[in-house]
Amino acid sequence: MTMLSTLFHYTSAEFWEEIRTSGSIDTTSQAAHHLDGSSKHVWLTDGPGHHSGLQDPQRTVVRISVAPIPSILYWPVWRELCDNRTAVEQAGGDPAAWYLTKEPITAEHWGTVIHMGTRETLLNTDTATHPVSSWATMPTPKRISATARRLDQLRPSDPFRAHRIDQQIASLRSIIDRSDTQQRQRAAWRTLKAEIAAFAELPPQQHPEGTITSGGLPG
């Protein structure tokens, strides 16, 4: 049986009109600060509105379904390179249901748009429902081990970043051990691969705010 992907962006009725007119869900949130610096994001969830962490119920009135796009990352893995992850998660909701992207989500990636109060369909783009297999490959022990070996090759150039990615690998393994949904496993795997690819392109870095001690933990 084909498993279908589920991903939503919640917004207010007012902002939905702006999104509809512009044809794009723009990156506006600066809540999360990556190790490389702050950037703007679009936040998404695979659960109901109260899982989103949005405190104002008016901001979950409109639900936009979103098809998978390559830039979407899975928060429980991405968070390990986020300097203010605890503060972000204290907003409430269910962080296990969170995804984010640094790219705007244009209209060709939207599916059905629903007003959650009236259940009125505000837009239906007839976008084909995507199977979860379109997200990425599934993480396997062999693939994860190969990634860990690649990380060890990169480690001397930036031990602090490498330690954070060690935590990402541990998070991915926990997601697999819990038998989380295929969508979450695939998105987590894609997030890890993106960080490894970015690491390989970076020059050696110094992190005066955190060094690696002999025990392998930030000092």
N, C-alpha and C. Protein backbone atom coordinates (compact mmCIF):
# COMPACT_ATOMS: atom_id res chain seq x y z
N MET A 1 0.84 -1.20 0.00
CA MET A 1 0.00 0.00 0.00
C MET A 1 0.87 1.25 0.00
N THR A 2 0.58 2.20 -0.86
CA THR A 2 1.34 3.44 -0.93
C THR A 2 0.99 4.32 0.26
N MET A 3 2.03 4.79 0.96
CA MET A 3 1.84 5.69 2.09
C MET A 3 1.94 7.12 1.59
N LEU A 4 0.95 7.96 1.95
CA LEU A 4 0.91 9.32 1.47
C LEU A 4 1.55 10.28 2.47
N SER A 5 2.19 11.31 1.94
CA SER A 5 2.83 12.30 2.80
C SER A 5 1.79 13.26 3.37
N THR A 6 2.09 13.79 4.55
CA THR A 6 1.21 14.73 5.23
C THR A 6 2.05 15.86 5.79
N LEU A 7 1.80 17.07 5.33
CA LEU A 7 2.56 18.22 5.80
C LEU A 7 1.68 19.45 5.66
N PHE A 8 1.64 20.28 6.72
CA PHE A 8 0.74 21.43 6.72
C PHE A 8 1.46 22.69 7.20
N HIS A 9 1.02 23.81 6.64
CA HIS A 9 1.40 25.12 7.16
C HIS A 9 0.11 25.79 7.65
N TYR A 10 0.13 26.25 8.90
CA TYR A 10 -1.03 26.92 9.49
C TYR A 10 -0.80 28.43 9.50
N THR A 11 -1.87 29.17 9.29
CA THR A 11 -1.77 30.62 9.28
C THR A 11 -3.12 31.22 9.64
N SER A 12 -3.16 32.53 9.75
CA SER A 12 -4.42 33.23 10.04
C SER A 12 -5.17 33.49 8.75
N ALA A 13 -6.45 33.84 8.89
CA ALA A 13 -7.25 34.18 7.71
C ALA A 13 -6.67 35.40 7.00
N GLU A 14 -6.19 36.36 7.78
CA GLU A 14 -5.60 37.57 7.19
C GLU A 14 -4.36 37.24 6.38
N PHE A 15 -3.46 36.45 6.97
CA PHE A 15 -2.22 36.12 6.26
C PHE A 15 -2.48 35.18 5.09
N TRP A 16 -3.54 34.36 5.20
CA TRP A 16 -3.86 33.51 4.05
C TRP A 16 -4.17 34.36 2.83
N GLU A 17 -4.86 35.46 3.00
CA GLU A 17 -5.18 36.32 1.85
C GLU A 17 -3.90 36.88 1.24
N GLU A 18 -2.92 37.23 2.08
CA GLU A 18 -1.65 37.72 1.56
C GLU A 18 -0.91 36.61 0.82
N ILE A 19 -0.93 35.39 1.39
CA ILE A 19 -0.27 34.26 0.75
C ILE A 19 -0.91 33.95 -0.59
N ARG A 20 -2.24 33.93 -0.61
CA ARG A 20 -2.96 33.61 -1.84
C ARG A 20 -2.64 34.63 -2.93
N THR A 21 -2.62 35.90 -2.55
CA THR A 21 -2.35 36.95 -3.53
C THR A 21 -0.93 36.89 -4.07
N SER A 22 0.02 36.62 -3.18
CA SER A 22 1.43 36.60 -3.60
C SER A 22 1.82 35.29 -4.29
N GLY A 23 1.06 34.22 -4.01
CA GLY A 23 1.39 32.92 -4.58
C GLY A 23 2.57 32.26 -3.92
N SER A 24 2.87 32.67 -2.68
CA SER A 24 4.03 32.10 -2.00
C SER A 24 3.87 32.19 -0.49
N ILE A 25 4.25 31.11 0.22
CA ILE A 25 4.38 31.17 1.68
C ILE A 25 5.80 31.63 1.95
N ASP A 26 5.97 32.87 2.37
CA ASP A 26 7.30 33.44 2.50
C ASP A 26 7.97 33.05 3.81
N THR A 27 9.28 33.09 3.80
CA THR A 27 10.07 32.83 5.01
C THR A 27 10.05 34.09 5.87
N THR A 28 9.35 34.02 6.99
CA THR A 28 9.20 35.21 7.84
C THR A 28 9.67 34.96 9.28
N SER A 29 9.69 33.71 9.72
CA SER A 29 10.04 33.43 11.12
C SER A 29 11.55 33.44 11.31
N GLN A 30 12.01 34.13 12.34
CA GLN A 30 13.42 34.13 12.72
C GLN A 30 13.60 33.50 14.10
N ALA A 31 12.69 32.62 14.46
CA ALA A 31 12.71 32.05 15.80
C ALA A 31 13.92 31.18 16.06
N ALA A 32 14.36 30.40 15.07
CA ALA A 32 15.42 29.42 15.26
C ALA A 32 16.74 29.94 14.72
N HIS A 33 17.81 29.79 15.52
CA HIS A 33 19.13 30.28 15.15
C HIS A 33 20.08 29.11 14.91
N HIS A 34 20.42 28.87 13.67
CA HIS A 34 21.35 27.81 13.31
C HIS A 34 22.77 28.21 13.73
N LEU A 35 23.62 27.21 13.87
CA LEU A 35 25.02 27.45 14.21
C LEU A 35 25.68 28.43 13.24
N ASP A 36 25.24 28.44 11.98
CA ASP A 36 25.82 29.32 10.97
C ASP A 36 25.22 30.72 10.98
N GLY A 37 24.29 30.97 11.90
CA GLY A 37 23.67 32.28 11.97
C GLY A 37 22.17 32.19 11.76
N SER A 38 21.47 33.25 12.14
CA SER A 38 20.01 33.25 12.03
C SER A 38 19.59 33.40 10.57
N SER A 39 18.46 32.83 10.26
CA SER A 39 17.87 32.98 8.94
C SER A 39 16.37 32.86 9.09
N LYS A 40 15.64 33.23 8.07
CA LYS A 40 14.20 33.18 8.11
C LYS A 40 13.70 31.83 7.61
N HIS A 41 12.61 31.35 8.20
CA HIS A 41 12.08 30.04 7.86
C HIS A 41 10.57 30.07 7.66
N VAL A 42 10.09 29.05 6.99
CA VAL A 42 8.68 28.67 7.01
C VAL A 42 8.60 27.43 7.90
N TRP A 43 7.65 27.43 8.82
CA TRP A 43 7.45 26.29 9.70
C TRP A 43 6.25 25.47 9.22
N LEU A 44 6.37 24.15 9.38
CA LEU A 44 5.29 23.25 8.99
C LEU A 44 5.16 22.16 10.04
N THR A 45 4.07 21.41 9.95
CA THR A 45 3.84 20.33 10.89
C THR A 45 3.14 19.17 10.17
N ASP A 46 3.31 17.98 10.71
CA ASP A 46 2.56 16.84 10.17
C ASP A 46 1.38 16.48 11.06
N GLY A 47 1.04 17.40 11.99
CA GLY A 47 -0.05 17.14 12.91
C GLY A 47 -1.09 18.25 12.89
N PRO A 48 -2.05 18.20 13.81
CA PRO A 48 -3.09 19.24 13.90
C PRO A 48 -2.50 20.56 14.37
N GLY A 49 -3.31 21.61 14.29
CA GLY A 49 -2.82 22.95 14.57
C GLY A 49 -2.21 23.12 15.94
N HIS A 50 -2.76 22.46 16.98
CA HIS A 50 -2.21 22.66 18.32
C HIS A 50 -0.84 22.03 18.47
N HIS A 51 -0.41 21.20 17.52
CA HIS A 51 0.95 20.65 17.55
C HIS A 51 1.98 21.66 17.03
N SER A 52 1.50 22.72 16.39
CA SER A 52 2.41 23.64 15.71
C SER A 52 3.22 24.52 16.66
N GLY A 53 2.76 24.68 17.88
CA GLY A 53 3.43 25.57 18.81
C GLY A 53 2.94 27.00 18.73
N LEU A 54 2.01 27.28 17.83
CA LEU A 54 1.44 28.63 17.71
C LEU A 54 0.47 28.87 18.86
N GLN A 55 0.72 29.90 19.64
CA GLN A 55 -0.08 30.16 20.83
C GLN A 55 -1.42 30.84 20.52
N ASP A 56 -1.44 31.63 19.47
CA ASP A 56 -2.65 32.36 19.10
C ASP A 56 -3.52 31.46 18.23
N PRO A 57 -4.72 31.07 18.70
CA PRO A 57 -5.57 30.18 17.90
C PRO A 57 -5.97 30.78 16.56
N GLN A 58 -5.93 32.09 16.44
CA GLN A 58 -6.26 32.71 15.16
C GLN A 58 -5.22 32.39 14.09
N ARG A 59 -4.03 32.00 14.53
CA ARG A 59 -2.95 31.71 13.57
C ARG A 59 -3.00 30.26 13.08
N THR A 60 -3.99 29.51 13.56
CA THR A 60 -4.16 28.14 13.06
C THR A 60 -5.52 27.95 12.40
N VAL A 61 -6.13 29.06 12.00
CA VAL A 61 -7.47 29.01 11.40
C VAL A 61 -7.42 28.41 10.00
N VAL A 62 -6.36 28.69 9.25
CA VAL A 62 -6.25 28.22 7.87
C VAL A 62 -5.13 27.19 7.78
N ARG A 63 -5.44 26.06 7.16
CA ARG A 63 -4.45 24.98 6.99
C ARG A 63 -4.15 24.80 5.51
N ILE A 64 -2.88 24.94 5.16
CA ILE A 64 -2.43 24.75 3.78
C ILE A 64 -1.65 23.44 3.72
N SER A 65 -2.13 22.49 2.94
CA SER A 65 -1.36 21.26 2.78
C SER A 65 -0.23 21.53 1.79
N VAL A 66 0.93 20.92 2.06
CA VAL A 66 2.14 21.19 1.29
C VAL A 66 2.74 19.87 0.82
N ALA A 67 3.11 19.85 -0.45
CA ALA A 67 3.79 18.67 -1.00
C ALA A 67 5.27 18.70 -0.60
N PRO A 68 5.93 17.54 -0.58
CA PRO A 68 7.35 17.52 -0.24
C PRO A 68 8.18 18.35 -1.22
N ILE A 69 9.11 19.13 -0.69
CA ILE A 69 10.07 19.83 -1.52
C ILE A 69 11.46 19.60 -0.93
N PRO A 70 12.51 19.62 -1.74
CA PRO A 70 13.84 19.23 -1.28
C PRO A 70 14.39 20.03 -0.10
N SER A 71 13.92 21.28 0.07
CA SER A 71 14.49 22.13 1.10
C SER A 71 13.89 21.91 2.49
N ILE A 72 12.85 21.09 2.60
CA ILE A 72 12.21 20.89 3.90
C ILE A 72 13.07 19.99 4.79
N LEU A 73 13.27 20.44 6.03
CA LEU A 73 14.11 19.75 7.01
C LEU A 73 13.27 19.35 8.21
N TYR A 74 13.74 18.33 8.93
CA TYR A 74 12.99 17.81 10.08
C TYR A 74 13.58 18.36 11.37
N TRP A 75 12.76 19.08 12.12
CA TRP A 75 13.22 19.79 13.31
C TRP A 75 13.95 18.89 14.33
N PRO A 76 13.46 17.72 14.71
CA PRO A 76 14.14 16.95 15.75
C PRO A 76 15.59 16.58 15.42
N VAL A 77 15.96 16.64 14.15
CA VAL A 77 17.36 16.44 13.77
C VAL A 77 18.05 17.79 13.58
N TRP A 78 17.40 18.70 12.90
CA TRP A 78 17.99 20.02 12.63
C TRP A 78 18.28 20.77 13.93
N ARG A 79 17.48 20.54 14.96
CA ARG A 79 17.60 21.26 16.23
C ARG A 79 18.98 21.13 16.86
N GLU A 80 19.69 20.05 16.57
CA GLU A 80 20.99 19.83 17.21
C GLU A 80 22.02 20.87 16.80
N LEU A 81 21.79 21.57 15.69
CA LEU A 81 22.66 22.67 15.29
C LEU A 81 21.99 24.02 15.47
N CYS A 82 20.96 24.03 16.30
CA CYS A 82 20.23 25.26 16.60
C CYS A 82 20.61 25.72 18.01
N ASP A 83 21.16 26.92 18.12
CA ASP A 83 21.69 27.40 19.39
C ASP A 83 20.60 27.71 20.43
N ASN A 84 19.39 27.98 19.99
CA ASN A 84 18.32 28.34 20.93
C ASN A 84 17.18 27.33 20.89
N ARG A 85 17.51 26.06 20.68
CA ARG A 85 16.48 25.05 20.49
C ARG A 85 15.55 24.91 21.69
N THR A 86 16.07 25.04 22.90
CA THR A 86 15.23 24.90 24.08
C THR A 86 14.18 26.01 24.13
N ALA A 87 14.60 27.23 23.85
CA ALA A 87 13.66 28.35 23.85
C ALA A 87 12.60 28.17 22.77
N VAL A 88 12.99 27.68 21.61
CA VAL A 88 12.03 27.46 20.53
C VAL A 88 10.98 26.44 20.96
N GLU A 89 11.43 25.36 21.59
CA GLU A 89 10.50 24.28 21.96
C GLU A 89 9.61 24.66 23.13
N GLN A 90 10.02 25.65 23.91
CA GLN A 90 9.19 26.09 25.03
C GLN A 90 7.95 26.84 24.56
N ALA A 91 7.86 27.10 23.27
CA ALA A 91 6.65 27.74 22.73
C ALA A 91 5.44 26.84 22.87
N GLY A 92 5.67 25.54 23.05
CA GLY A 92 4.58 24.58 23.18
C GLY A 92 4.42 23.76 21.93
N GLY A 93 3.35 23.00 21.87
CA GLY A 93 3.13 22.14 20.73
C GLY A 93 3.92 20.85 20.83
N ASP A 94 4.08 20.18 19.72
CA ASP A 94 4.78 18.90 19.68
C ASP A 94 5.97 19.01 18.73
N PRO A 95 7.18 19.24 19.25
CA PRO A 95 8.35 19.40 18.38
C PRO A 95 8.61 18.21 17.46
N ALA A 96 8.15 17.04 17.84
CA ALA A 96 8.34 15.87 16.98
C ALA A 96 7.57 15.99 15.67
N ALA A 97 6.61 16.93 15.62
CA ALA A 97 5.78 17.12 14.43
C ALA A 97 6.25 18.29 13.57
N TRP A 98 7.39 18.90 13.90
CA TRP A 98 7.81 20.13 13.25
C TRP A 98 8.78 19.90 12.09
N TYR A 99 8.61 20.72 11.07
CA TYR A 99 9.52 20.77 9.92
C TYR A 99 9.75 22.25 9.61
N LEU A 100 10.80 22.55 8.85
CA LEU A 100 11.06 23.92 8.48
C LEU A 100 11.85 23.97 7.17
N THR A 101 11.82 25.14 6.55
CA THR A 101 12.57 25.35 5.32
C THR A 101 13.00 26.80 5.24
N LYS A 102 14.16 27.03 4.64
CA LYS A 102 14.64 28.39 4.42
C LYS A 102 14.19 28.94 3.07
N GLU A 103 13.43 28.14 2.33
CA GLU A 103 12.96 28.56 1.01
C GLU A 103 11.46 28.86 1.05
N PRO A 104 11.01 29.90 0.34
CA PRO A 104 9.57 30.12 0.22
C PRO A 104 8.90 28.91 -0.43
N ILE A 105 7.64 28.68 -0.09
CA ILE A 105 6.89 27.56 -0.67
C ILE A 105 5.87 28.13 -1.64
N THR A 106 6.14 27.96 -2.91
CA THR A 106 5.30 28.57 -3.94
C THR A 106 4.06 27.73 -4.21
N ALA A 107 3.10 28.34 -4.92
CA ALA A 107 1.76 27.77 -5.06
C ALA A 107 1.74 26.40 -5.72
N GLU A 108 2.72 26.10 -6.57
CA GLU A 108 2.70 24.78 -7.22
C GLU A 108 2.93 23.64 -6.25
N HIS A 109 3.35 23.98 -5.03
CA HIS A 109 3.56 22.95 -4.00
C HIS A 109 2.41 22.87 -3.00
N TRP A 110 1.36 23.67 -3.21
CA TRP A 110 0.21 23.63 -2.30
C TRP A 110 -0.77 22.57 -2.74
N GLY A 111 -1.48 22.02 -1.77
CA GLY A 111 -2.59 21.14 -2.07
C GLY A 111 -3.89 21.83 -1.69
N THR A 112 -4.66 21.20 -0.82
CA THR A 112 -5.93 21.76 -0.39
C THR A 112 -5.73 22.76 0.75
N VAL A 113 -6.45 23.86 0.69
CA VAL A 113 -6.42 24.87 1.74
C VAL A 113 -7.80 24.89 2.40
N ILE A 114 -7.82 24.72 3.73
CA ILE A 114 -9.08 24.58 4.46
C ILE A 114 -9.15 25.60 5.58
N HIS A 115 -10.34 26.21 5.75
CA HIS A 115 -10.62 27.02 6.93
C HIS A 115 -11.05 26.05 8.03
N MET A 116 -10.24 25.96 9.09
CA MET A 116 -10.46 24.93 10.10
C MET A 116 -11.70 25.20 10.95
N GLY A 117 -12.15 26.46 11.00
CA GLY A 117 -13.36 26.77 11.76
C GLY A 117 -14.63 26.35 11.05
N THR A 118 -14.72 26.67 9.78
CA THR A 118 -15.94 26.39 9.01
C THR A 118 -15.82 25.12 8.17
N ARG A 119 -14.61 24.59 8.05
CA ARG A 119 -14.29 23.42 7.19
C ARG A 119 -14.49 23.74 5.71
N GLU A 120 -14.55 25.01 5.39
CA GLU A 120 -14.69 25.41 3.99
C GLU A 120 -13.37 25.20 3.26
N THR A 121 -13.45 24.67 2.05
CA THR A 121 -12.27 24.54 1.20
C THR A 121 -12.04 25.89 0.52
N LEU A 122 -10.93 26.53 0.86
CA LEU A 122 -10.62 27.85 0.32
C LEU A 122 -9.90 27.75 -1.02
N LEU A 123 -9.20 26.65 -1.23
CA LEU A 123 -8.47 26.46 -2.47
C LEU A 123 -8.17 24.98 -2.63
N ASN A 124 -8.31 24.50 -3.83
CA ASN A 124 -7.89 23.13 -4.14
C ASN A 124 -7.16 23.19 -5.47
N THR A 125 -5.85 23.02 -5.43
CA THR A 125 -5.03 23.19 -6.62
C THR A 125 -4.99 21.95 -7.50
N ASP A 126 -5.63 20.87 -7.03
CA ASP A 126 -5.59 19.59 -7.75
C ASP A 126 -4.17 19.03 -7.86
N THR A 127 -3.31 19.52 -6.97
CA THR A 127 -1.96 18.95 -6.93
C THR A 127 -2.05 17.49 -6.52
N ALA A 128 -1.37 16.62 -7.27
CA ALA A 128 -1.42 15.19 -6.97
C ALA A 128 -0.85 14.93 -5.57
N THR A 129 -1.48 14.04 -4.84
CA THR A 129 -0.96 13.64 -3.54
C THR A 129 0.33 12.86 -3.74
N HIS A 130 1.34 13.19 -2.96
CA HIS A 130 2.65 12.59 -3.14
C HIS A 130 2.84 11.40 -2.21
N PRO A 131 3.36 10.30 -2.73
CA PRO A 131 3.70 9.20 -1.84
C PRO A 131 4.88 9.59 -0.95
N VAL A 132 4.92 9.02 0.24
CA VAL A 132 5.98 9.37 1.18
C VAL A 132 7.35 8.99 0.63
N SER A 133 7.40 8.05 -0.30
CA SER A 133 8.68 7.65 -0.90
C SER A 133 9.31 8.78 -1.70
N SER A 134 8.53 9.81 -2.03
CA SER A 134 9.09 10.92 -2.80
C SER A 134 9.92 11.85 -1.93
N TRP A 135 9.86 11.69 -0.61
CA TRP A 135 10.62 12.55 0.29
C TRP A 135 12.11 12.32 0.16
N ALA A 136 12.52 11.07 0.25
CA ALA A 136 13.94 10.71 0.24
C ALA A 136 14.02 9.21 0.42
N THR A 137 15.22 8.69 0.37
CA THR A 137 15.41 7.27 0.67
C THR A 137 15.24 7.03 2.16
N MET A 138 15.00 5.80 2.53
CA MET A 138 14.92 5.45 3.94
C MET A 138 16.33 5.31 4.52
N PRO A 139 16.52 5.75 5.76
CA PRO A 139 17.82 5.54 6.40
C PRO A 139 18.00 4.07 6.77
N THR A 140 19.12 3.52 6.44
CA THR A 140 19.44 2.13 6.78
C THR A 140 20.72 2.13 7.61
N PRO A 141 20.97 1.07 8.38
CA PRO A 141 22.22 1.01 9.16
C PRO A 141 23.45 1.22 8.29
N LYS A 142 23.45 0.66 7.09
CA LYS A 142 24.60 0.81 6.20
C LYS A 142 24.79 2.27 5.80
N ARG A 143 23.71 2.96 5.46
CA ARG A 143 23.79 4.36 5.05
C ARG A 143 24.23 5.25 6.22
N ILE A 144 23.70 4.98 7.39
CA ILE A 144 24.06 5.79 8.56
C ILE A 144 25.53 5.57 8.92
N SER A 145 26.00 4.33 8.85
CA SER A 145 27.40 4.04 9.16
C SER A 145 28.34 4.74 8.17
N ALA A 146 27.95 4.75 6.91
CA ALA A 146 28.76 5.43 5.90
C ALA A 146 28.81 6.94 6.18
N THR A 147 27.69 7.50 6.62
CA THR A 147 27.65 8.92 6.95
C THR A 147 28.53 9.22 8.16
N ALA A 148 28.50 8.34 9.16
CA ALA A 148 29.35 8.53 10.34
C ALA A 148 30.83 8.49 9.96
N ARG A 149 31.19 7.61 9.03
CA ARG A 149 32.59 7.56 8.58
C ARG A 149 32.97 8.84 7.85
N ARG A 150 32.04 9.36 7.04
CA ARG A 150 32.31 10.62 6.35
C ARG A 150 32.47 11.75 7.35
N LEU A 151 31.66 11.76 8.39
CA LEU A 151 31.78 12.77 9.43
C LEU A 151 33.15 12.71 10.10
N ASP A 152 33.64 11.52 10.35
CA ASP A 152 34.96 11.38 10.97
C ASP A 152 36.05 11.96 10.09
N GLN A 153 35.88 11.89 8.78
CA GLN A 153 36.86 12.49 7.87
C GLN A 153 36.83 14.02 7.97
N LEU A 154 35.64 14.57 8.18
CA LEU A 154 35.48 16.02 8.25
C LEU A 154 35.78 16.57 9.65
N ARG A 155 35.74 15.75 10.66
CA ARG A 155 35.81 16.18 12.05
C ARG A 155 36.99 17.10 12.37
N PRO A 156 38.22 16.82 11.90
CA PRO A 156 39.35 17.68 12.29
C PRO A 156 39.18 19.14 11.88
N SER A 157 38.42 19.42 10.84
CA SER A 157 38.27 20.81 10.38
C SER A 157 37.36 21.62 11.29
N ASP A 158 36.49 20.97 12.04
CA ASP A 158 35.56 21.68 12.92
C ASP A 158 34.98 20.69 13.93
N PRO A 159 35.74 20.37 14.99
CA PRO A 159 35.27 19.38 15.96
C PRO A 159 33.96 19.74 16.64
N PHE A 160 33.74 21.04 16.85
CA PHE A 160 32.51 21.47 17.52
C PHE A 160 31.29 21.13 16.66
N ARG A 161 31.35 21.48 15.37
CA ARG A 161 30.25 21.15 14.47
C ARG A 161 30.08 19.63 14.37
N ALA A 162 31.19 18.93 14.31
CA ALA A 162 31.12 17.47 14.20
C ALA A 162 30.41 16.87 15.41
N HIS A 163 30.68 17.41 16.59
CA HIS A 163 29.99 16.91 17.79
C HIS A 163 28.49 17.13 17.68
N ARG A 164 28.08 18.29 17.18
CA ARG A 164 26.65 18.55 17.01
C ARG A 164 26.03 17.56 16.02
N ILE A 165 26.76 17.23 14.96
CA ILE A 165 26.23 16.29 13.98
C ILE A 165 26.23 14.87 14.55
N ASP A 166 27.16 14.57 15.45
CA ASP A 166 27.07 13.30 16.19
C ASP A 166 25.71 13.20 16.88
N GLN A 167 25.26 14.32 17.46
CA GLN A 167 23.97 14.34 18.13
C GLN A 167 22.82 14.14 17.13
N GLN A 168 23.00 14.68 15.93
CA GLN A 168 21.99 14.47 14.89
C GLN A 168 21.88 12.99 14.53
N ILE A 169 23.03 12.34 14.41
CA ILE A 169 23.02 10.91 14.09
C ILE A 169 22.33 10.13 15.21
N ALA A 170 22.61 10.50 16.46
CA ALA A 170 21.95 9.83 17.59
C ALA A 170 20.43 10.07 17.55
N SER A 171 20.02 11.28 17.19
CA SER A 171 18.60 11.59 17.09
C SER A 171 17.94 10.76 15.99
N LEU A 172 18.62 10.65 14.85
CA LEU A 172 18.09 9.84 13.75
C LEU A 172 17.91 8.39 14.18
N ARG A 173 18.89 7.86 14.87
CA ARG A 173 18.79 6.47 15.31
C ARG A 173 17.64 6.28 16.30
N SER A 174 17.41 7.28 17.15
CA SER A 174 16.28 7.21 18.08
C SER A 174 14.95 7.22 17.34
N ILE A 175 14.86 8.03 16.30
CA ILE A 175 13.64 8.10 15.47
C ILE A 175 13.37 6.75 14.85
N ILE A 176 14.40 6.10 14.36
CA ILE A 176 14.25 4.77 13.76
C ILE A 176 13.85 3.74 14.82
N ASP A 177 14.52 3.79 15.98
CA ASP A 177 14.24 2.82 17.05
C ASP A 177 12.80 2.94 17.55
N ARG A 178 12.23 4.16 17.51
CA ARG A 178 10.85 4.36 17.94
C ARG A 178 9.85 3.95 16.87
N SER A 179 10.35 3.57 15.70
CA SER A 179 9.49 3.22 14.57
C SER A 179 8.57 4.38 14.20
N ASP A 180 9.15 5.61 14.20
CA ASP A 180 8.39 6.76 13.75
C ASP A 180 7.95 6.57 12.30
N THR A 181 7.04 7.41 11.86
CA THR A 181 6.51 7.26 10.51
C THR A 181 7.62 7.33 9.46
N GLN A 182 7.34 6.72 8.30
CA GLN A 182 8.32 6.77 7.22
C GLN A 182 8.62 8.21 6.81
N GLN A 183 7.61 9.06 6.83
CA GLN A 183 7.84 10.45 6.47
C GLN A 183 8.86 11.08 7.38
N ARG A 184 8.73 10.87 8.69
CA ARG A 184 9.67 11.46 9.64
C ARG A 184 11.06 10.86 9.47
N GLN A 185 11.14 9.56 9.27
CA GLN A 185 12.45 8.92 9.09
C GLN A 185 13.14 9.44 7.83
N ARG A 186 12.40 9.54 6.75
CA ARG A 186 12.98 10.01 5.49
C ARG A 186 13.40 11.48 5.59
N ALA A 187 12.55 12.30 6.22
CA ALA A 187 12.89 13.72 6.38
C ALA A 187 14.09 13.89 7.30
N ALA A 188 14.18 13.07 8.34
CA ALA A 188 15.32 13.13 9.25
C ALA A 188 16.61 12.76 8.52
N TRP A 189 16.54 11.74 7.70
CA TRP A 189 17.70 11.28 6.93
C TRP A 189 18.14 12.37 5.95
N ARG A 190 17.19 12.98 5.29
CA ARG A 190 17.52 14.04 4.35
C ARG A 190 18.15 15.23 5.06
N THR A 191 17.67 15.55 6.27
CA THR A 191 18.23 16.64 7.05
C THR A 191 19.69 16.37 7.41
N LEU A 192 19.97 15.15 7.85
CA LEU A 192 21.34 14.79 8.19
C LEU A 192 22.25 14.88 6.96
N LYS A 193 21.80 14.37 5.84
CA LYS A 193 22.61 14.42 4.62
C LYS A 193 22.89 15.86 4.21
N ALA A 194 21.92 16.75 4.39
CA ALA A 194 22.11 18.15 4.03
C ALA A 194 23.19 18.79 4.90
N GLU A 195 23.22 18.45 6.20
CA GLU A 195 24.24 19.01 7.08
C GLU A 195 25.63 18.49 6.73
N ILE A 196 25.72 17.22 6.39
CA ILE A 196 27.02 16.65 5.99
C ILE A 196 27.51 17.32 4.71
N ALA A 197 26.61 17.51 3.75
CA ALA A 197 26.99 18.16 2.49
C ALA A 197 27.45 19.59 2.73
N ALA A 198 26.76 20.32 3.61
CA ALA A 198 27.15 21.70 3.92
C ALA A 198 28.48 21.74 4.65
N PHE A 199 28.69 20.80 5.57
CA PHE A 199 29.94 20.71 6.33
C PHE A 199 31.13 20.56 5.38
N ALA A 200 30.98 19.72 4.39
CA ALA A 200 32.09 19.44 3.47
C ALA A 200 32.51 20.67 2.69
N GLU A 201 31.62 21.66 2.57
CA GLU A 201 31.92 22.85 1.79
C GLU A 201 32.45 24.00 2.64
N LEU A 202 32.47 23.83 3.96
CA LEU A 202 32.88 24.91 4.85
C LEU A 202 34.38 24.91 5.08
N PRO A 203 34.99 26.10 5.26
CA PRO A 203 36.40 26.15 5.67
C PRO A 203 36.52 25.78 7.14
N PRO A 204 37.72 25.45 7.62
CA PRO A 204 37.89 25.16 9.05
C PRO A 204 37.38 26.31 9.90
N GLN A 205 36.72 25.97 11.01
CA GLN A 205 36.09 26.98 11.86
C GLN A 205 36.65 26.93 13.27
N GLN A 206 36.58 28.07 13.94
CA GLN A 206 36.89 28.15 15.36
C GLN A 206 35.63 28.57 16.09
N HIS A 207 35.37 27.98 17.24
CA HIS A 207 34.17 28.29 18.02
C HIS A 207 34.59 28.65 19.44
N PRO A 208 34.95 29.90 19.67
CA PRO A 208 35.39 30.29 21.01
C PRO A 208 34.34 30.07 22.08
N GLU A 209 33.06 30.02 21.67
CA GLU A 209 32.01 29.82 22.66
C GLU A 209 31.89 28.36 23.09
N GLY A 210 32.56 27.46 22.40
CA GLY A 210 32.48 26.05 22.77
C GLY A 210 33.57 25.26 22.10
N THR A 211 34.43 24.65 22.89
CA THR A 211 35.48 23.81 22.34
C THR A 211 35.18 22.37 22.69
N ILE A 212 35.90 21.45 22.10
CA ILE A 212 35.69 20.05 22.38
C ILE A 212 36.75 19.58 23.37
N THR A 213 36.31 19.04 24.46
CA THR A 213 37.22 18.54 25.47
C THR A 213 37.65 17.13 25.12
N SER A 214 38.54 16.58 25.92
CA SER A 214 39.02 15.23 25.66
C SER A 214 37.90 14.22 25.77
N GLY A 215 36.84 14.55 26.50
CA GLY A 215 35.72 13.65 26.63
C GLY A 215 34.74 13.73 25.47
N GLY A 216 34.98 14.67 24.54
CA GLY A 216 34.15 14.75 23.35
C GLY A 216 32.90 15.61 23.53
N LEU A 217 32.79 16.33 24.63
CA LEU A 217 31.63 17.18 24.87
C LEU A 217 32.04 18.64 24.84
N PRO A 218 31.13 19.52 24.49
CA PRO A 218 31.46 20.93 24.46
C PRO A 218 31.95 21.40 25.83
N GLY A 219 33.06 22.14 25.83
CA GLY A 219 33.59 22.63 27.08
C GLY A 219 33.22 24.10 27.32
